PDB file of N, CA and C in Angstrom:
ATOM      1  N   MET A   1      -8.214  16.667 -26.581  1.00  0.00           N
ATOM      2  CA  MET A   1      -8.831  15.294 -26.570  1.00  0.00           C
ATOM      3  C   MET A   1      -8.116  14.616 -25.419  1.00  0.00           C
ATOM      4  N   SER A   2      -9.388  14.077 -24.311  1.00  0.00           N
ATOM      5  CA  SER A   2      -8.689  13.351 -23.523  1.00  0.00           C
ATOM      6  C   SER A   2      -8.253  11.825 -23.675  1.00  0.00           C
ATOM      7  N   LYS A   3      -7.658  11.243 -23.062  1.00  0.00           N
ATOM      8  CA  LYS A   3      -6.825  10.163 -23.080  1.00  0.00           C
ATOM      9  C   LYS A   3      -6.679   9.450 -21.931  1.00  0.00           C
ATOM     10  N   LYS A   4      -6.867   8.263 -22.781  1.00  0.00           N
ATOM     11  CA  LYS A   4      -7.113   6.803 -21.845  1.00  0.00           C
ATOM     12  C   LYS A   4      -6.145   6.405 -20.953  1.00  0.00           C
ATOM     13  N   MET A   5      -6.842   6.090 -19.757  1.00  0.00           N
ATOM     14  CA  MET A   5      -5.602   6.040 -18.579  1.00  0.00           C
ATOM     15  C   MET A   5      -5.615   4.433 -18.410  1.00  0.00           C
ATOM     16  N   PRO A   6      -4.772   4.132 -19.062  1.00  0.00           N
ATOM     17  CA  PRO A   6      -3.944   2.190 -18.760  1.00  0.00           C
ATOM     18  C   PRO A   6      -4.159   1.718 -17.715  1.00  0.00           C
ATOM     19  N   LYS A   7      -4.219   0.783 -17.864  1.00  0.00           N
ATOM     20  CA  LYS A   7      -4.363  -0.304 -16.403  1.00  0.00           C
ATOM     21  C   LYS A   7      -3.160  -0.810 -15.822  1.00  0.00           C
ATOM     22  N   PHE A   8      -3.352  -0.557 -14.702  1.00  0.00           N
ATOM     23  CA  PHE A   8      -1.994  -0.953 -13.517  1.00  0.00           C
ATOM     24  C   PHE A   8      -1.872  -2.324 -13.046  1.00  0.00           C
ATOM     25  N   LYS A   9      -0.931  -2.953 -12.735  1.00  0.00           N
ATOM     26  CA  LYS A   9      -0.871  -4.328 -12.468  1.00  0.00           C
ATOM     27  C   LYS A   9      -0.551  -3.754 -10.775  1.00  0.00           C
ATOM     28  N   THR A  10       0.503  -3.111 -10.343  1.00  0.00           N
ATOM     29  CA  THR A  10       0.610  -2.576  -9.067  1.00  0.00           C
ATOM     30  C   THR A  10       0.330  -1.051  -8.533  1.00  0.00           C
ATOM     31  N   GLU A  11       0.643  -1.004  -7.381  1.00  0.00           N
ATOM     32  CA  GLU A  11       0.450   0.836  -6.843  1.00  0.00           C
ATOM     33  C   GLU A  11       1.069   1.232  -7.288  1.00  0.00           C
ATOM     34  N   GLU A  12       2.524   0.732  -7.130  1.00  0.00           N
ATOM     35  CA  GLU A  12       3.707   1.662  -7.610  1.00  0.00           C
ATOM     36  C   GLU A  12       3.992   1.362  -8.952  1.00  0.00           C
ATOM     37  N   GLU A  13       3.378   0.624 -10.253  1.00  0.00           N
ATOM     38  CA  GLU A  13       3.421   1.175 -11.107  1.00  0.00           C
ATOM     39  C   GLU A  13       2.535   2.600 -11.796  1.00  0.00           C
ATOM     40  N   PHE A  14       0.998   2.577 -10.567  1.00  0.00           N
ATOM     41  CA  PHE A  14       0.492   3.904 -10.698  1.00  0.00           C
ATOM     42  C   PHE A  14       0.809   5.035 -10.545  1.00  0.00           C
ATOM     43  N   ALA A  15       1.442   5.244  -9.307  1.00  0.00           N
ATOM     44  CA  ALA A  15       1.800   6.053  -8.731  1.00  0.00           C
ATOM     45  C   ALA A  15       3.374   6.644  -9.665  1.00  0.00           C
ATOM     46  N   LYS A  16       3.892   5.816 -10.138  1.00  0.00           N
ATOM     47  CA  LYS A  16       5.294   6.231 -11.166  1.00  0.00           C
ATOM     48  C   LYS A  16       3.898   7.044 -11.813  1.00  0.00           C
ATOM     49  N   PHE A  17       3.538   6.461 -12.810  1.00  0.00           N
ATOM     50  CA  PHE A  17       2.541   7.350 -13.746  1.00  0.00           C
ATOM     51  C   PHE A  17       2.110   8.478 -13.712  1.00  0.00           C
ATOM     52  N   VAL A  18       1.750   8.432 -12.079  1.00  0.00           N
ATOM     53  CA  VAL A  18       0.873   9.774 -12.030  1.00  0.00           C
ATOM     54  C   VAL A  18       2.370  10.769 -11.466  1.00  0.00           C
ATOM     55  N   GLU A  19       2.975  10.850 -11.135  1.00  0.00           N
ATOM     56  CA  GLU A  19       4.750  11.450 -11.202  1.00  0.00           C
ATOM     57  C   GLU A  19       5.013  11.972 -12.490  1.00  0.00           C
ATOM     58  N   GLU A  20       4.755  11.004 -13.517  1.00  0.00           N
ATOM     59  CA  GLU A  20       5.776  11.273 -15.175  1.00  0.00           C
ATOM     60  C   GLU A  20       4.490  12.258 -16.025  1.00  0.00           C
ATOM     61  N   HIS A  21       2.941  12.237 -15.665  1.00  0.00           N
ATOM     62  CA  HIS A  21       2.113  12.126 -16.437  1.00  0.00           C
ATOM     63  C   HIS A  21       1.228  13.134 -15.260  1.00  0.00           C
ATOM     64  N   ASP A  22       0.755  14.667 -16.948  1.00  0.00           N
ATOM     65  CA  ASP A  22      -0.034  15.246 -16.497  1.00  0.00           C
ATOM     66  C   ASP A  22      -1.766  14.616 -16.237  1.00  0.00           C
ATOM     67  N   MET A  23      -2.142  14.624 -15.261  1.00  0.00           N
ATOM     68  CA  MET A  23      -2.986  14.118 -14.860  1.00  0.00           C
ATOM     69  C   MET A  23      -4.947  15.302 -15.739  1.00  0.00           C
ATOM     70  N   ALA A  24      -4.141  15.826 -16.240  1.00  0.00           N
ATOM     71  CA  ALA A  24      -5.206  16.959 -16.537  1.00  0.00           C
ATOM     72  C   ALA A  24      -5.246  16.045 -17.969  1.00  0.00           C
ATOM     73  N   ASP A  25      -4.607  15.720 -18.658  1.00  0.00           N
ATOM     74  CA  ASP A  25      -4.792  15.014 -20.163  1.00  0.00           C
ATOM     75  C   ASP A  25      -5.568  14.040 -19.793  1.00  0.00           C
ATOM     76  N   TYR A  26      -6.003  13.170 -18.467  1.00  0.00           N
ATOM     77  CA  TYR A  26      -6.550  12.029 -18.741  1.00  0.00           C
ATOM     78  C   TYR A  26      -7.676  12.427 -17.723  1.00  0.00           C
ATOM     79  N   ALA A  27      -8.827  13.561 -17.368  1.00  0.00           N
ATOM     80  CA  ALA A  27      -9.430  13.930 -16.783  1.00  0.00           C
ATOM     81  C   ALA A  27     -11.054  12.903 -16.964  1.00  0.00           C
ATOM     82  N   ASN A  28     -11.339  13.274 -18.820  1.00  0.00           N
ATOM     83  CA  ASN A  28     -12.198  12.403 -18.702  1.00  0.00           C
ATOM     84  C   ASN A  28     -12.484  10.732 -18.387  1.00  0.00           C
ATOM     85  N   ASP A  29     -11.352   9.961 -18.020  1.00  0.00           N
ATOM     86  CA  ASP A  29     -11.295   8.667 -18.009  1.00  0.00           C
ATOM     87  C   ASP A  29     -11.034   8.435 -16.214  1.00  0.00           C
ATOM     88  N   LEU A  30     -11.122   9.782 -15.461  1.00  0.00           N
ATOM     89  CA  LEU A  30     -10.716   9.654 -13.867  1.00  0.00           C
ATOM     90  C   LEU A  30     -12.493   9.747 -13.513  1.00  0.00           C
ATOM     91  N   GLU A  31     -12.334   8.135 -12.349  1.00  0.00           N
ATOM     92  CA  GLU A  31     -13.627   8.522 -11.766  1.00  0.00           C
ATOM     93  C   GLU A  31     -13.385   9.052 -10.365  1.00  0.00           C
ATOM     94  N   GLU A  32     -14.396   9.732 -10.013  1.00  0.00           N
ATOM     95  CA  GLU A  32     -14.924  10.637  -8.602  1.00  0.00           C
ATOM     96  C   GLU A  32     -14.536   9.480  -7.058  1.00  0.00           C
ATOM     97  N   ALA A  33     -13.802  10.031  -6.545  1.00  0.00           N
ATOM     98  CA  ALA A  33     -13.039   9.714  -5.472  1.00  0.00           C
ATOM     99  C   ALA A  33     -14.511   8.977  -4.426  1.00  0.00           C
ATOM    100  N   LYS A  34     -14.773   7.541  -3.782  1.00  0.00           N
ATOM    101  CA  LYS A  34     -15.614   8.134  -3.082  1.00  0.00           C
ATOM    102  C   LYS A  34     -15.169   7.265  -1.881  1.00  0.00           C
ATOM    103  N   ASP A  35     -15.423   7.449  -0.577  1.00  0.00           N
ATOM    104  CA  ASP A  35     -15.779   6.325   0.568  1.00  0.00           C
ATOM    105  C   ASP A  35     -13.946   6.130   1.253  1.00  0.00           C
ATOM    106  N   ILE A  36     -12.885   6.931   0.741  1.00  0.00           N
ATOM    107  CA  ILE A  36     -11.965   6.898   1.148  1.00  0.00           C
ATOM    108  C   ILE A  36     -11.317   6.809   2.539  1.00  0.00           C
ATOM    109  N   LYS A  37     -11.070   5.358   3.084  1.00  0.00           N
ATOM    110  CA  LYS A  37     -10.853   5.192   4.496  1.00  0.00           C
ATOM    111  C   LYS A  37      -9.049   5.264   4.780  1.00  0.00           C
ATOM    112  N   ILE A  38      -8.948   5.973   5.764  1.00  0.00           N
ATOM    113  CA  ILE A  38      -7.757   6.169   6.103  1.00  0.00           C
ATOM    114  C   ILE A  38      -7.497   5.271   7.179  1.00  0.00           C
ATOM    115  N   SER A  39      -6.167   4.257   7.419  1.00  0.00           N
ATOM    116  CA  SER A  39      -5.665   3.515   8.342  1.00  0.00           C
ATOM    117  C   SER A  39      -4.691   4.353   9.038  1.00  0.00           C
ATOM    118  N   ILE A  40      -4.936   4.676  10.447  1.00  0.00           N
ATOM    119  CA  ILE A  40      -3.529   5.192  10.446  1.00  0.00           C
ATOM    120  C   ILE A  40      -3.156   4.425  11.566  1.00  0.00           C
ATOM    121  N   SER A  41      -1.980   3.866  12.035  1.00  0.00           N
ATOM    122  CA  SER A  41      -0.997   3.080  12.765  1.00  0.00           C
ATOM    123  C   SER A  41      -0.974   3.384  14.307  1.00  0.00           C
ATOM    124  N   LYS A  42      -1.409   2.329  15.018  1.00  0.00           N
ATOM    125  CA  LYS A  42      -1.298   2.916  16.534  1.00  0.00           C
ATOM    126  C   LYS A  42      -0.188   1.843  17.139  1.00  0.00           C
ATOM    127  N   GLN A  43       0.890   1.872  16.409  1.00  0.00           N
ATOM    128  CA  GLN A  43       2.308   1.198  16.593  1.00  0.00           C
ATOM    129  C   GLN A  43       2.936   2.620  17.487  1.00  0.00           C
ATOM    130  N   THR A  44       3.087   2.051  18.645  1.00  0.00           N
ATOM    131  CA  THR A  44       4.523   3.580  19.391  1.00  0.00           C
ATOM    132  C   THR A  44       6.381   3.282  18.390  1.00  0.00           C
ATOM    133  N   LYS A  45       6.633   4.523  18.126  1.00  0.00           N
ATOM    134  CA  LYS A  45       7.804   4.548  17.770  1.00  0.00           C
ATOM    135  C   LYS A  45       8.869   5.283  18.508  1.00  0.00           C
ATOM    136  N   THR A  46      10.336   5.061  18.188  1.00  0.00           N
ATOM    137  CA  THR A  46      11.401   5.130  19.032  1.00  0.00           C
ATOM    138  C   THR A  46      11.975   6.506  18.041  1.00  0.00           C
ATOM    139  N   MET A  47      11.965   6.965  19.073  1.00  0.00           N
ATOM    140  CA  MET A  47      12.823   8.146  18.496  1.00  0.00           C
ATOM    141  C   MET A  47      14.490   7.952  18.679  1.00  0.00           C
ATOM    142  N   ILE A  48      15.134   8.283  17.425  1.00  0.00           N
ATOM    143  CA  ILE A  48      16.582   7.824  17.378  1.00  0.00           C
ATOM    144  C   ILE A  48      17.333   8.973  16.751  1.00  0.00           C
ATOM    145  N   SER A  49      18.424   9.173  17.253  1.00  0.00           N
ATOM    146  CA  SER A  49      19.643  10.183  16.713  1.00  0.00           C
ATOM    147  C   SER A  49      20.559   9.294  16.000  1.00  0.00           C
ATOM    148  N   LEU A  50      20.656  10.480  14.996  1.00  0.00           N
ATOM    149  CA  LEU A  50      21.584   9.479  13.813  1.00  0.00           C
ATOM    150  C   LEU A  50      22.256  10.701  13.070  1.00  0.00           C
ATOM    151  N   ARG A  51      23.831  10.560  13.367  1.00  0.00           N
ATOM    152  CA  ARG A  51      24.338  11.381  12.409  1.00  0.00           C
ATOM    153  C   ARG A  51      24.902  10.796  10.926  1.00  0.00           C
ATOM    154  N   ILE A  52      24.330  11.858   9.932  1.00  0.00           N
ATOM    155  CA  ILE A  52      24.823  11.641   8.792  1.00  0.00           C
ATOM    156  C   ILE A  52      25.251  12.550   7.742  1.00  0.00           C
ATOM    157  N   TYR A  53      26.104  13.166   7.165  1.00  0.00           N
ATOM    158  CA  TYR A  53      26.909  13.993   6.110  1.00  0.00           C
ATOM    159  C   TYR A  53      25.697  14.753   6.038  1.00  0.00           C
ATOM    160  N   PRO A  54      25.923  15.975   6.138  1.00  0.00           N
ATOM    161  CA  PRO A  54      25.049  17.385   5.474  1.00  0.00           C
ATOM    162  C   PRO A  54      23.980  17.245   4.521  1.00  0.00           C
ATOM    163  N   TYR A  55      25.215  16.404   3.224  1.00  0.00           N
ATOM    164  CA  TYR A  55      25.209  16.970   1.363  1.00  0.00           C
ATOM    165  C   TYR A  55      23.724  15.283   1.489  1.00  0.00           C
ATOM    166  N   LEU A  56      23.660  14.216   2.250  1.00  0.00           N
ATOM    167  CA  LEU A  56      23.307  13.231   2.283  1.00  0.00           C
ATOM    168  C   LEU A  56      21.445  13.428   2.899  1.00  0.00           C
ATOM    169  N   LEU A  57      21.571  14.445   4.180  1.00  0.00           N
ATOM    170  CA  LEU A  57      20.234  14.965   4.091  1.00  0.00           C
ATOM    171  C   LEU A  57      19.611  15.999   3.291  1.00  0.00           C
ATOM    172  N   VAL A  58      20.224  16.732   2.555  1.00  0.00           N
ATOM    173  CA  VAL A  58      19.905  17.662   1.137  1.00  0.00           C
ATOM    174  C   VAL A  58      19.474  16.375   0.405  1.00  0.00           C
ATOM    175  N   GLU A  59      19.994  15.722  -0.038  1.00  0.00           N
ATOM    176  CA  GLU A  59      19.605  14.694  -1.133  1.00  0.00           C
ATOM    177  C   GLU A  59      18.502  14.068  -0.841  1.00  0.00           C
ATOM    178  N   ILE A  60      18.296  13.856   0.764  1.00  0.00           N
ATOM    179  CA  ILE A  60      17.145  12.634   0.920  1.00  0.00           C
ATOM    180  C   ILE A  60      16.078  13.626   1.535  1.00  0.00           C
ATOM    181  N   LYS A  61      16.134  14.717   1.375  1.00  0.00           N
ATOM    182  CA  LYS A  61      15.423  16.097   1.418  1.00  0.00           C
ATOM    183  C   LYS A  61      14.499  16.543   0.077  1.00  0.00           C
ATOM    184  N   GLN A  62      15.763  16.309  -0.982  1.00  0.00           N
ATOM    185  CA  GLN A  62      15.210  16.493  -2.278  1.00  0.00           C
ATOM    186  C   GLN A  62      14.491  15.484  -2.923  1.00  0.00           C
ATOM    187  N   ILE A  63      14.408  14.468  -2.582  1.00  0.00           N
ATOM    188  CA  ILE A  63      13.928  13.159  -2.549  1.00  0.00           C
ATOM    189  C   ILE A  63      12.315  13.318  -2.304  1.00  0.00           C
ATOM    190  N   ALA A  64      12.525  12.938  -1.196  1.00  0.00           N
ATOM    191  CA  ALA A  64      11.219  13.429   0.084  1.00  0.00           C
ATOM    192  C   ALA A  64      10.166  14.692  -0.355  1.00  0.00           C
ATOM    193  N   ALA A  65      10.825  15.510  -1.077  1.00  0.00           N
ATOM    194  CA  ALA A  65      10.374  16.293  -1.697  1.00  0.00           C
ATOM    195  C   ALA A  65       9.054  16.311  -2.896  1.00  0.00           C
ATOM    196  N   LYS A  66      10.099  15.486  -3.861  1.00  0.00           N
ATOM    197  CA  LYS A  66       9.489  14.818  -5.089  1.00  0.00           C
ATOM    198  C   LYS A  66       8.356  14.214  -4.572  1.00  0.00           C
ATOM    199  N   LYS A  67       8.517  13.559  -3.643  1.00  0.00           N
ATOM    200  CA  LYS A  67       7.711  12.244  -3.577  1.00  0.00           C
ATOM    201  C   LYS A  67       6.275  12.845  -2.404  1.00  0.00           C
ATOM    202  N   HIS A  68       6.815  14.285  -2.308  1.00  0.00           N
ATOM    203  CA  HIS A  68       5.773  14.807  -1.794  1.00  0.00           C
ATOM    204  C   HIS A  68       5.375  14.348  -0.379  1.00  0.00           C
ATOM    205  N   MET A  69       6.491  13.871   0.283  1.00  0.00           N
ATOM    206  CA  MET A  69       6.398  13.376   1.921  1.00  0.00           C
ATOM    207  C   MET A  69       7.381  13.919   2.896  1.00  0.00           C
ATOM    208  N   PRO A  70       7.266  13.614   4.562  1.00  0.00           N
ATOM    209  CA  PRO A  70       8.627  14.225   4.944  1.00  0.00           C
ATOM    210  C   PRO A  70       9.562  13.220   4.815  1.00  0.00           C
ATOM    211  N   TYR A  71      10.717  13.627   5.344  1.00  0.00           N
ATOM    212  CA  TYR A  71      12.090  13.324   4.519  1.00  0.00           C
ATOM    213  C   TYR A  71      12.256  11.896   5.857  1.00  0.00           C
ATOM    214  N   GLN A  72      11.746  12.540   7.171  1.00  0.00           N
ATOM    215  CA  GLN A  72      11.598  11.226   8.378  1.00  0.00           C
ATOM    216  C   GLN A  72      10.649  10.107   7.787  1.00  0.00           C
ATOM    217  N   SER A  73       9.666  10.200   7.063  1.00  0.00           N
ATOM    218  CA  SER A  73       9.312   9.195   6.676  1.00  0.00           C
ATOM    219  C   SER A  73       9.477   8.264   5.550  1.00  0.00           C
ATOM    220  N   LEU A  74      10.323   9.126   4.743  1.00  0.00           N
ATOM    221  CA  LEU A  74      11.406   8.455   3.772  1.00  0.00           C
ATOM    222  C   LEU A  74      11.938   7.361   3.759  1.00  0.00           C
ATOM    223  N   ILE A  75      13.648   8.269   5.282  1.00  0.00           N
ATOM    224  CA  ILE A  75      14.045   7.443   5.684  1.00  0.00           C
ATOM    225  C   ILE A  75      13.633   5.830   6.204  1.00  0.00           C
ATOM    226  N   GLN A  76      12.659   6.944   7.079  1.00  0.00           N
ATOM    227  CA  GLN A  76      11.450   4.770   7.386  1.00  0.00           C
ATOM    228  C   GLN A  76      11.655   4.160   6.219  1.00  0.00           C
ATOM    229  N   GLN A  77      10.717   4.673   5.465  1.00  0.00           N
ATOM    230  CA  GLN A  77      10.715   3.141   4.474  1.00  0.00           C
ATOM    231  C   GLN A  77      11.770   2.889   3.605  1.00  0.00           C
ATOM    232  N   TRP A  78      12.724   3.258   3.407  1.00  0.00           N
ATOM    233  CA  TRP A  78      13.566   3.090   3.046  1.00  0.00           C
ATOM    234  C   TRP A  78      14.418   2.304   4.262  1.00  0.00           C
ATOM    235  N   LEU A  79      14.489   2.538   5.614  1.00  0.00           N
ATOM    236  CA  LEU A  79      14.502   1.040   6.398  1.00  0.00           C
ATOM    237  C   LEU A  79      13.912  -0.179   5.930  1.00  0.00           C
ATOM    238  N   ALA A  80      12.697  -0.505   6.372  1.00  0.00           N
ATOM    239  CA  ALA A  80      11.493  -1.016   6.285  1.00  0.00           C
ATOM    240  C   ALA A  80      11.898  -2.022   4.909  1.00  0.00           C
ATOM    241  N   GLU A  81      12.002  -1.058   4.038  1.00  0.00           N
ATOM    242  CA  GLU A  81      12.801  -1.892   2.694  1.00  0.00           C
ATOM    243  C   GLU A  81      13.254  -2.585   2.835  1.00  0.00           C
ATOM    244  N   LYS A  82      14.743  -1.929   3.325  1.00  0.00           N
ATOM    245  CA  LYS A  82      16.216  -2.579   3.014  1.00  0.00           C
ATOM    246  C   LYS A  82      15.938  -4.192   4.244  1.00  0.00           C
ATOM    247  N   ILE A  83      15.524  -3.723   5.144  1.00  0.00           N
ATOM    248  CA  ILE A  83      15.114  -5.256   6.274  1.00  0.00           C
ATOM    249  C   ILE A  83      14.511  -6.231   5.509  1.00  0.00           C
ATOM    250  N   ASN A  84      13.200  -5.858   5.017  1.00  0.00           N
ATOM    251  CA  ASN A  84      12.725  -6.778   4.201  1.00  0.00           C
ATOM    252  C   ASN A  84      13.662  -7.646   3.067  1.00  0.00           C
ATOM    253  N   GLU A  85      14.244  -6.868   2.413  1.00  0.00           N
ATOM    254  CA  GLU A  85      15.575  -7.495   1.486  1.00  0.00           C
ATOM    255  C   GLU A  85      16.040  -8.200   2.172  1.00  0.00           C
ATOM    256  N   GLU A  86      17.000  -7.907   2.865  1.00  0.00           N
ATOM    257  CA  GLU A  86      17.896  -8.736   4.262  1.00  0.00           C
ATOM    258  C   GLU A  86      17.155  -9.756   4.991  1.00  0.00           C
ATOM    259  N   LYS A  87      16.371  -9.678   5.261  1.00  0.00           N
ATOM    260  CA  LYS A  87      14.954 -11.067   5.389  1.00  0.00           C
ATOM    261  C   LYS A  87      15.226 -11.817   4.462  1.00  0.00           C
ATOM    262  N   LYS A  88      14.647 -11.570   3.209  1.00  0.00           N
ATOM    263  CA  LYS A  88      14.860 -12.402   2.620  1.00  0.00           C
ATOM    264  C   LYS A  88      15.809 -13.103   1.834  1.00  0.00           C
ATOM    265  N   ALA A  89      16.549 -12.514   1.374  1.00  0.00           N
ATOM    266  CA  ALA A  89      17.828 -13.147   1.361  1.00  0.00           C
ATOM    267  C   ALA A  89      18.611 -13.678   2.327  1.00  0.00           C
ATOM    268  N   ALA A  90      18.337 -14.003   3.420  1.00  0.00           N
ATOM    269  CA  ALA A  90      18.865 -14.389   4.412  1.00  0.00           C
ATOM    270  C   ALA A  90      17.817 -16.097   4.674  1.00  0.00           C
ATOM    271  N   SER A  91      16.783 -16.305   3.793  1.00  0.00           N
ATOM    272  CA  SER A  91      16.048 -17.053   3.839  1.00  0.00           C
ATOM    273  C   SER A  91      16.631 -18.152   3.098  1.00  0.00           C
TER     274      SER A  91
END
């Protein structure tokens, strides 16, 4: 018997739910995706060199693998989140 998909307030809640549950259990409650639009940023990026401890890189790569994303993207995401936190705290 298929389970009913709960309602989510944010994309983060949905993403966490998908990571923690077998979506096959909700197959009858899922809709087929239509007209998916992907926005590709045209912003240029600057390459940097950053020395970190090897154990940190191993941890970062493991977390990124669990999130199914490149570790460099995860680092960039974390930096952006931290910058936003600092900006909010400063204002």
